[in-house]
Amino acid sequence: KTYEELDEDCDKLIKRDPRTNHIIQQ
């Protein structure tokens, strides 16, 4: 509902490739 909640959700949703550490999901 808020941008603060959106920021927290982004921290939960981000995924990185374990080999390269590149972002694969945001």
PDB file of all heavy atoms in Angstrom:
ATOM      1  N   LYS A   1       0.830  -1.203   0.000  1.00  0.00           N
ATOM      2  CA  LYS A   1       0.000   0.000   0.000  1.00  0.00           C
ATOM      3  C   LYS A   1       0.868   1.258   0.000  1.00  0.00           C
ATOM      4  O   LYS A   1       0.441   2.306  -0.475  1.00  0.00           O
ATOM      5  CB  LYS A   1      -0.927  -0.001   1.215  1.00  0.00           C
ATOM      6  CG  LYS A   1      -2.018  -1.064   1.180  1.00  0.00           C
ATOM      7  CD  LYS A   1      -2.938  -0.916   2.391  1.00  0.00           C
ATOM      8  CE  LYS A   1      -4.125  -1.878   2.304  1.00  0.00           C
ATOM      9  NZ  LYS A   1      -3.690  -3.284   2.327  1.00  0.00           N
ATOM     10  N   THR A   2       2.070   1.172   0.579  1.00  0.00           N
ATOM     11  CA  THR A   2       2.947   2.333   0.653  1.00  0.00           C
ATOM     12  C   THR A   2       4.258   2.032  -0.068  1.00  0.00           C
ATOM     13  O   THR A   2       4.590   0.868  -0.326  1.00  0.00           O
ATOM     14  CB  THR A   2       3.258   2.700   2.111  1.00  0.00           C
ATOM     15  OG1 THR A   2       4.057   1.653   2.693  1.00  0.00           O
ATOM     16  CG2 THR A   2       1.976   2.871   2.914  1.00  0.00           C
ATOM     17  N   TYR A   3       5.005   3.087  -0.360  1.00  0.00           N
ATOM     18  CA  TYR A   3       6.305   2.879  -0.994  1.00  0.00           C
ATOM     19  C   TYR A   3       7.292   2.229  -0.033  1.00  0.00           C
ATOM     20  O   TYR A   3       8.193   1.503  -0.461  1.00  0.00           O
ATOM     21  CB  TYR A   3       6.848   4.214  -1.535  1.00  0.00           C
ATOM     22  CG  TYR A   3       6.138   4.621  -2.796  1.00  0.00           C
ATOM     23  CD1 TYR A   3       5.265   5.707  -2.815  1.00  0.00           C
ATOM     24  CD2 TYR A   3       6.309   3.890  -3.976  1.00  0.00           C
ATOM     25  CE1 TYR A   3       4.592   6.058  -3.969  1.00  0.00           C
ATOM     26  CE2 TYR A   3       5.631   4.236  -5.128  1.00  0.00           C
ATOM     27  CZ  TYR A   3       4.775   5.316  -5.127  1.00  0.00           C
ATOM     28  OH  TYR A   3       4.095   5.656  -6.269  1.00  0.00           O
ATOM     29  N   GLU A   4       7.112   2.461   1.254  1.00  0.00           N
ATOM     30  CA  GLU A   4       7.955   1.786   2.229  1.00  0.00           C
ATOM     31  C   GLU A   4       7.713   0.280   2.200  1.00  0.00           C
ATOM     32  O   GLU A   4       8.672  -0.521   2.247  1.00  0.00           O
ATOM     33  CB  GLU A   4       7.690   2.350   3.623  1.00  0.00           C
ATOM     34  CG  GLU A   4       8.206   3.759   3.853  1.00  0.00           C
ATOM     35  CD  GLU A   4       7.313   4.866   3.272  1.00  0.00           C
ATOM     36  OE1 GLU A   4       6.255   4.531   2.701  1.00  0.00           O
ATOM     37  OE2 GLU A   4       7.676   6.038   3.390  1.00  0.00           O
ATOM     38  N   GLU A   5       6.458  -0.133   2.081  1.00  0.00           N
ATOM     39  CA  GLU A   5       6.141  -1.555   1.953  1.00  0.00           C
ATOM     40  C   GLU A   5       6.672  -2.113   0.635  1.00  0.00           C
ATOM     41  O   GLU A   5       7.164  -3.249   0.583  1.00  0.00           O
ATOM     42  CB  GLU A   5       4.631  -1.769   2.040  1.00  0.00           C
ATOM     43  CG  GLU A   5       4.033  -1.500   3.413  1.00  0.00           C
ATOM     44  CD  GLU A   5       2.516  -1.620   3.423  1.00  0.00           C
ATOM     45  OE1 GLU A   5       1.926  -1.913   2.348  1.00  0.00           O
ATOM     46  OE2 GLU A   5       1.911  -1.418   4.495  1.00  0.00           O
ATOM     47  N   LEU A   6       6.589  -1.319  -0.413  1.00  0.00           N
ATOM     48  CA  LEU A   6       7.116  -1.752  -1.708  1.00  0.00           C
ATOM     49  C   LEU A   6       8.622  -2.002  -1.621  1.00  0.00           C
ATOM     50  O   LEU A   6       9.127  -2.996  -2.166  1.00  0.00           O
ATOM     51  CB  LEU A   6       6.808  -0.703  -2.771  1.00  0.00           C
ATOM     52  CG  LEU A   6       7.337  -0.967  -4.181  1.00  0.00           C
ATOM     53  CD1 LEU A   6       6.766  -2.254  -4.752  1.00  0.00           C
ATOM     54  CD2 LEU A   6       7.027   0.197  -5.116  1.00  0.00           C
ATOM     55  N   ASP A   7       9.330  -1.130  -0.924  1.00  0.00           N
ATOM     56  CA  ASP A   7      10.770  -1.314  -0.747  1.00  0.00           C
ATOM     57  C   ASP A   7      11.068  -2.625  -0.022  1.00  0.00           C
ATOM     58  O   ASP A   7      11.978  -3.376  -0.408  1.00  0.00           O
ATOM     59  CB  ASP A   7      11.361  -0.143   0.028  1.00  0.00           C
ATOM     60  CG  ASP A   7      11.375   1.156  -0.769  1.00  0.00           C
ATOM     61  OD1 ASP A   7      11.275   1.076  -2.003  1.00  0.00           O
ATOM     62  OD2 ASP A   7      11.473   2.231  -0.150  1.00  0.00           O
ATOM     63  N   GLU A   8      10.322  -2.898   1.034  1.00  0.00           N
ATOM     64  CA  GLU A   8      10.522  -4.138   1.793  1.00  0.00           C
ATOM     65  C   GLU A   8      10.225  -5.357   0.923  1.00  0.00           C
ATOM     66  O   GLU A   8      10.940  -6.364   0.978  1.00  0.00           O
ATOM     67  CB  GLU A   8       9.627  -4.139   3.036  1.00  0.00           C
ATOM     68  CG  GLU A   8       9.987  -3.084   4.075  1.00  0.00           C
ATOM     69  CD  GLU A   8       8.987  -3.034   5.219  1.00  0.00           C
ATOM     70  OE1 GLU A   8       8.033  -3.855   5.211  1.00  0.00           O
ATOM     71  OE2 GLU A   8       9.148  -2.175   6.112  1.00  0.00           O
ATOM     72  N   ASP A   9       9.172  -5.255   0.105  1.00  0.00           N
ATOM     73  CA  ASP A   9       8.810  -6.379  -0.767  1.00  0.00           C
ATOM     74  C   ASP A   9       9.899  -6.629  -1.808  1.00  0.00           C
ATOM     75  O   ASP A   9      10.190  -7.783  -2.153  1.00  0.00           O
ATOM     76  CB  ASP A   9       7.476  -6.103  -1.458  1.00  0.00           C
ATOM     77  CG  ASP A   9       6.293  -6.149  -0.501  1.00  0.00           C
ATOM     78  OD1 ASP A   9       6.468  -6.648   0.630  1.00  0.00           O
ATOM     79  OD2 ASP A   9       5.205  -5.672  -0.877  1.00  0.00           O
ATOM     80  N   CYS A  10      10.493  -5.553  -2.321  1.00  0.00           N
ATOM     81  CA  CYS A  10      11.555  -5.725  -3.317  1.00  0.00           C
ATOM     82  C   CYS A  10      12.745  -6.478  -2.724  1.00  0.00           C
ATOM     83  O   CYS A  10      13.380  -7.292  -3.415  1.00  0.00           O
ATOM     84  CB  CYS A  10      12.002  -4.361  -3.848  1.00  0.00           C
ATOM     85  SG  CYS A  10      10.822  -3.614  -5.005  1.00  0.00           S
ATOM     86  N   ASP A  11      13.046  -6.223  -1.455  1.00  0.00           N
ATOM     87  CA  ASP A  11      14.139  -6.941  -0.802  1.00  0.00           C
ATOM     88  C   ASP A  11      13.837  -8.433  -0.688  1.00  0.00           C
ATOM     89  O   ASP A  11      14.746  -9.266  -0.718  1.00  0.00           O
ATOM     90  CB  ASP A  11      14.405  -6.363   0.587  1.00  0.00           C
ATOM     91  CG  ASP A  11      15.046  -4.984   0.533  1.00  0.00           C
ATOM     92  OD1 ASP A  11      15.635  -4.649  -0.519  1.00  0.00           O
ATOM     93  OD2 ASP A  11      14.952  -4.244   1.530  1.00  0.00           O
ATOM     94  N   LYS A  12      12.567  -8.771  -0.555  1.00  0.00           N
ATOM     95  CA  LYS A  12      12.164 -10.176  -0.457  1.00  0.00           C
ATOM     96  C   LYS A  12      12.096 -10.847  -1.826  1.00  0.00           C
ATOM     97  O   LYS A  12      12.298 -12.054  -1.942  1.00  0.00           O
ATOM     98  CB  LYS A  12      10.798 -10.280   0.225  1.00  0.00           C
ATOM     99  CG  LYS A  12      10.767  -9.790   1.660  1.00  0.00           C
ATOM    100  CD  LYS A  12       9.339  -9.820   2.211  1.00  0.00           C
ATOM    101  CE  LYS A  12       9.279  -9.257   3.632  1.00  0.00           C
ATOM    102  NZ  LYS A  12       7.887  -9.235   4.147  1.00  0.00           N
ATOM    103  N   LEU A  13      11.819 -10.071  -2.844  1.00  0.00           N
ATOM    104  CA  LEU A  13      11.571 -10.635  -4.175  1.00  0.00           C
ATOM    105  C   LEU A  13      12.823 -10.741  -5.042  1.00  0.00           C
ATOM    106  O   LEU A  13      12.841 -11.528  -5.994  1.00  0.00           O
ATOM    107  CB  LEU A  13      10.523  -9.785  -4.907  1.00  0.00           C
ATOM    108  CG  LEU A  13       9.072  -9.977  -4.446  1.00  0.00           C
ATOM    109  CD1 LEU A  13       8.212  -8.778  -4.820  1.00  0.00           C
ATOM    110  CD2 LEU A  13       8.491 -11.254  -5.053  1.00  0.00           C
ATOM    111  N   ILE A  14      13.846  -9.973  -4.739  1.00  0.00           N
ATOM    112  CA  ILE A  14      15.014  -9.996  -5.604  1.00  0.00           C
ATOM    113  C   ILE A  14      15.706 -11.360  -5.554  1.00  0.00           C
ATOM    114  O   ILE A  14      15.818 -11.981  -4.496  1.00  0.00           O
ATOM    115  CB  ILE A  14      16.009  -8.871  -5.241  1.00  0.00           C
ATOM    116  CG1 ILE A  14      17.082  -8.755  -6.320  1.00  0.00           C
ATOM    117  CG2 ILE A  14      16.608  -9.084  -3.847  1.00  0.00           C
ATOM    118  CD1 ILE A  14      17.944  -7.518  -6.211  1.00  0.00           C
ATOM    119  N   LYS A  15      16.124 -11.814  -6.729  1.00  0.00           N
ATOM    120  CA  LYS A  15      16.883 -13.061  -6.833  1.00  0.00           C
ATOM    121  C   LYS A  15      18.109 -12.812  -7.696  1.00  0.00           C
ATOM    122  O   LYS A  15      18.059 -12.047  -8.655  1.00  0.00           O
ATOM    123  CB  LYS A  15      16.029 -14.173  -7.463  1.00  0.00           C
ATOM    124  CG  LYS A  15      14.923 -14.694  -6.573  1.00  0.00           C
ATOM    125  CD  LYS A  15      14.195 -15.858  -7.248  1.00  0.00           C
ATOM    126  CE  LYS A  15      13.088 -16.418  -6.362  1.00  0.00           C
ATOM    127  NZ  LYS A  15      12.402 -17.565  -7.031  1.00  0.00           N
ATOM    128  N   ARG A  16      19.213 -13.477  -7.336  1.00  0.00           N
ATOM    129  CA  ARG A  16      20.451 -13.367  -8.091  1.00  0.00           C
ATOM    130  C   ARG A  16      20.944 -14.741  -8.509  1.00  0.00           C
ATOM    131  O   ARG A  16      20.702 -15.746  -7.810  1.00  0.00           O
ATOM    132  CB  ARG A  16      21.523 -12.654  -7.269  1.00  0.00           C
ATOM    133  CG  ARG A  16      21.191 -11.202  -6.927  1.00  0.00           C
ATOM    134  CD  ARG A  16      22.280 -10.580  -6.075  1.00  0.00           C
ATOM    135  NE  ARG A  16      21.978  -9.209  -5.684  1.00  0.00           N
ATOM    136  CZ  ARG A  16      22.315  -8.122  -6.384  1.00  0.00           C
ATOM    137  NH1 ARG A  16      22.974  -8.269  -7.529  1.00  0.00           N
ATOM    138  NH2 ARG A  16      22.004  -6.909  -5.954  1.00  0.00           N
ATOM    139  N   ASP A  17      21.617 -14.787  -9.616  1.00  0.00           N
ATOM    140  CA  ASP A  17      22.249 -16.020 -10.062  1.00  0.00           C
ATOM    141  C   ASP A  17      23.366 -16.367  -9.063  1.00  0.00           C
ATOM    142  O   ASP A  17      24.273 -15.562  -8.851  1.00  0.00           O
ATOM    143  CB  ASP A  17      22.832 -15.826 -11.457  1.00  0.00           C
ATOM    144  CG  ASP A  17      23.376 -17.099 -12.062  1.00  0.00           C
ATOM    145  OD1 ASP A  17      24.052 -17.860 -11.340  1.00  0.00           O
ATOM    146  OD2 ASP A  17      23.141 -17.333 -13.268  1.00  0.00           O
ATOM    147  N   PRO A  18      23.314 -17.549  -8.425  1.00  0.00           N
ATOM    148  CA  PRO A  18      24.314 -17.892  -7.406  1.00  0.00           C
ATOM    149  C   PRO A  18      25.736 -17.965  -7.952  1.00  0.00           C
ATOM    150  O   PRO A  18      26.702 -17.799  -7.202  1.00  0.00           O
ATOM    151  CB  PRO A  18      23.843 -19.247  -6.884  1.00  0.00           C
ATOM    152  CG  PRO A  18      22.980 -19.806  -7.966  1.00  0.00           C
ATOM    153  CD  PRO A  18      22.318 -18.624  -8.601  1.00  0.00           C
ATOM    154  N   ARG A  19      25.875 -18.165  -9.258  1.00  0.00           N
ATOM    155  CA  ARG A  19      27.217 -18.259  -9.841  1.00  0.00           C
ATOM    156  C   ARG A  19      27.810 -16.892 -10.153  1.00  0.00           C
ATOM    157  O   ARG A  19      28.989 -16.643  -9.926  1.00  0.00           O
ATOM    158  CB  ARG A  19      27.180 -19.104 -11.116  1.00  0.00           C
ATOM    159  CG  ARG A  19      26.740 -20.558 -10.916  1.00  0.00           C
ATOM    160  CD  ARG A  19      26.443 -21.198 -12.258  1.00  0.00           C
ATOM    161  NE  ARG A  19      25.388 -20.467 -12.962  1.00  0.00           N
ATOM    162  CZ  ARG A  19      25.048 -20.690 -14.228  1.00  0.00           C
ATOM    163  NH1 ARG A  19      25.714 -21.574 -14.953  1.00  0.00           N
ATOM    164  NH2 ARG A  19      24.067 -20.004 -14.780  1.00  0.00           N
ATOM    165  N   THR A  20      26.985 -16.005 -10.682  1.00  0.00           N
ATOM    166  CA  THR A  20      27.490 -14.701 -11.141  1.00  0.00           C
ATOM    167  C   THR A  20      27.058 -13.529 -10.254  1.00  0.00           C
ATOM    168  O   THR A  20      27.597 -12.433 -10.387  1.00  0.00           O
ATOM    169  CB  THR A  20      26.989 -14.423 -12.565  1.00  0.00           C
ATOM    170  OG1 THR A  20      25.548 -14.316 -12.541  1.00  0.00           O
ATOM    171  CG2 THR A  20      27.393 -15.550 -13.511  1.00  0.00           C
ATOM    172  N   ASN A  21      26.087 -13.778  -9.402  1.00  0.00           N
ATOM    173  CA  ASN A  21      25.491 -12.735  -8.555  1.00  0.00           C
ATOM    174  C   ASN A  21      24.705 -11.703  -9.359  1.00  0.00           C
ATOM    175  O   ASN A  21      24.318 -10.666  -8.840  1.00  0.00           O
ATOM    176  CB  ASN A  21      26.555 -12.020  -7.712  1.00  0.00           C
ATOM    177  CG  ASN A  21      25.948 -11.370  -6.477  1.00  0.00           C
ATOM    178  OD1 ASN A  21      25.038 -11.936  -5.851  1.00  0.00           O
ATOM    179  ND2 ASN A  21      26.425 -10.196  -6.115  1.00  0.00           N
ATOM    180  N   HIS A  22      24.437 -11.991 -10.640  1.00  0.00           N
ATOM    181  CA  HIS A  22      23.632 -11.095 -11.457  1.00  0.00           C
ATOM    182  C   HIS A  22      22.158 -11.215 -11.083  1.00  0.00           C
ATOM    183  O   HIS A  22      21.684 -12.300 -10.753  1.00  0.00           O
ATOM    184  CB  HIS A  22      23.810 -11.426 -12.947  1.00  0.00           C
ATOM    185  CG  HIS A  22      25.180 -11.112 -13.463  1.00  0.00           C
ATOM    186  ND1 HIS A  22      25.655 -11.599 -14.666  1.00  0.00           N
ATOM    187  CD2 HIS A  22      26.186 -10.352 -12.950  1.00  0.00           C
ATOM    188  CE1 HIS A  22      26.877 -11.173 -14.867  1.00  0.00           C
ATOM    189  NE2 HIS A  22      27.228 -10.408 -13.836  1.00  0.00           N
ATOM    190  N   ILE A  23      21.464 -10.105 -11.162  1.00  0.00           N
ATOM    191  CA  ILE A  23      20.033 -10.100 -10.854  1.00  0.00           C
ATOM    192  C   ILE A  23      19.278 -10.896 -11.914  1.00  0.00           C
ATOM    193  O   ILE A  23      19.474 -10.701 -13.119  1.00  0.00           O
ATOM    194  CB  ILE A  23      19.494  -8.657 -10.795  1.00  0.00           C
ATOM    195  CG1 ILE A  23      20.174  -7.862  -9.686  1.00  0.00           C
ATOM    196  CG2 ILE A  23      17.974  -8.662 -10.580  1.00  0.00           C
ATOM    197  CD1 ILE A  23      19.837  -6.376  -9.706  1.00  0.00           C
ATOM    198  N   ILE A  24      18.398 -11.786 -11.479  1.00  0.00           N
ATOM    199  CA  ILE A  24      17.560 -12.550 -12.405  1.00  0.00           C
ATOM    200  C   ILE A  24      16.069 -12.340 -12.107  1.00  0.00           C
ATOM    201  O   ILE A  24      15.217 -12.781 -12.883  1.00  0.00           O
ATOM    202  CB  ILE A  24      17.900 -14.058 -12.366  1.00  0.00           C
ATOM    203  CG1 ILE A  24      17.757 -14.607 -10.943  1.00  0.00           C
ATOM    204  CG2 ILE A  24      19.296 -14.302 -12.916  1.00  0.00           C
ATOM    205  CD1 ILE A  24      17.944 -16.119 -10.860  1.00  0.00           C
ATOM    206  N   GLN A  25      15.766 -11.677 -10.999  1.00  0.00           N
ATOM    207  CA  GLN A  25      14.368 -11.364 -10.670  1.00  0.00           C
ATOM    208  C   GLN A  25      14.354 -10.138  -9.775  1.00  0.00           C
ATOM    209  O   GLN A  25      15.192  -9.972  -8.913  1.00  0.00           O
ATOM    210  CB  GLN A  25      13.703 -12.541  -9.948  1.00  0.00           C
ATOM    211  CG  GLN A  25      12.269 -12.251  -9.490  1.00  0.00           C
ATOM    212  CD  GLN A  25      11.641 -13.399  -8.741  1.00  0.00           C
ATOM    213  OE1 GLN A  25      11.439 -14.482  -9.314  1.00  0.00           O
ATOM    214  NE2 GLN A  25      11.338 -13.205  -7.459  1.00  0.00           N
ATOM    215  N   GLN A  26      13.387  -9.259 -10.004  1.00  0.00           N
ATOM    216  CA  GLN A  26      13.259  -8.049  -9.197  1.00  0.00           C
ATOM    217  C   GLN A  26      11.790  -7.843  -8.853  1.00  0.00           C
ATOM    218  O   GLN A  26      10.894  -8.265  -9.600  1.00  0.00           O
ATOM    219  CB  GLN A  26      13.826  -6.848  -9.944  1.00  0.00           C
ATOM    220  CG  GLN A  26      13.765  -5.523  -9.194  1.00  0.00           C
ATOM    221  CD  GLN A  26      14.491  -5.539  -7.872  1.00  0.00           C
ATOM    222  OE1 GLN A  26      13.975  -6.097  -6.886  1.00  0.00           O
ATOM    223  NE2 GLN A  26      15.673  -4.939  -7.823  1.00  0.00           N
TER     224      GLN A  26
END
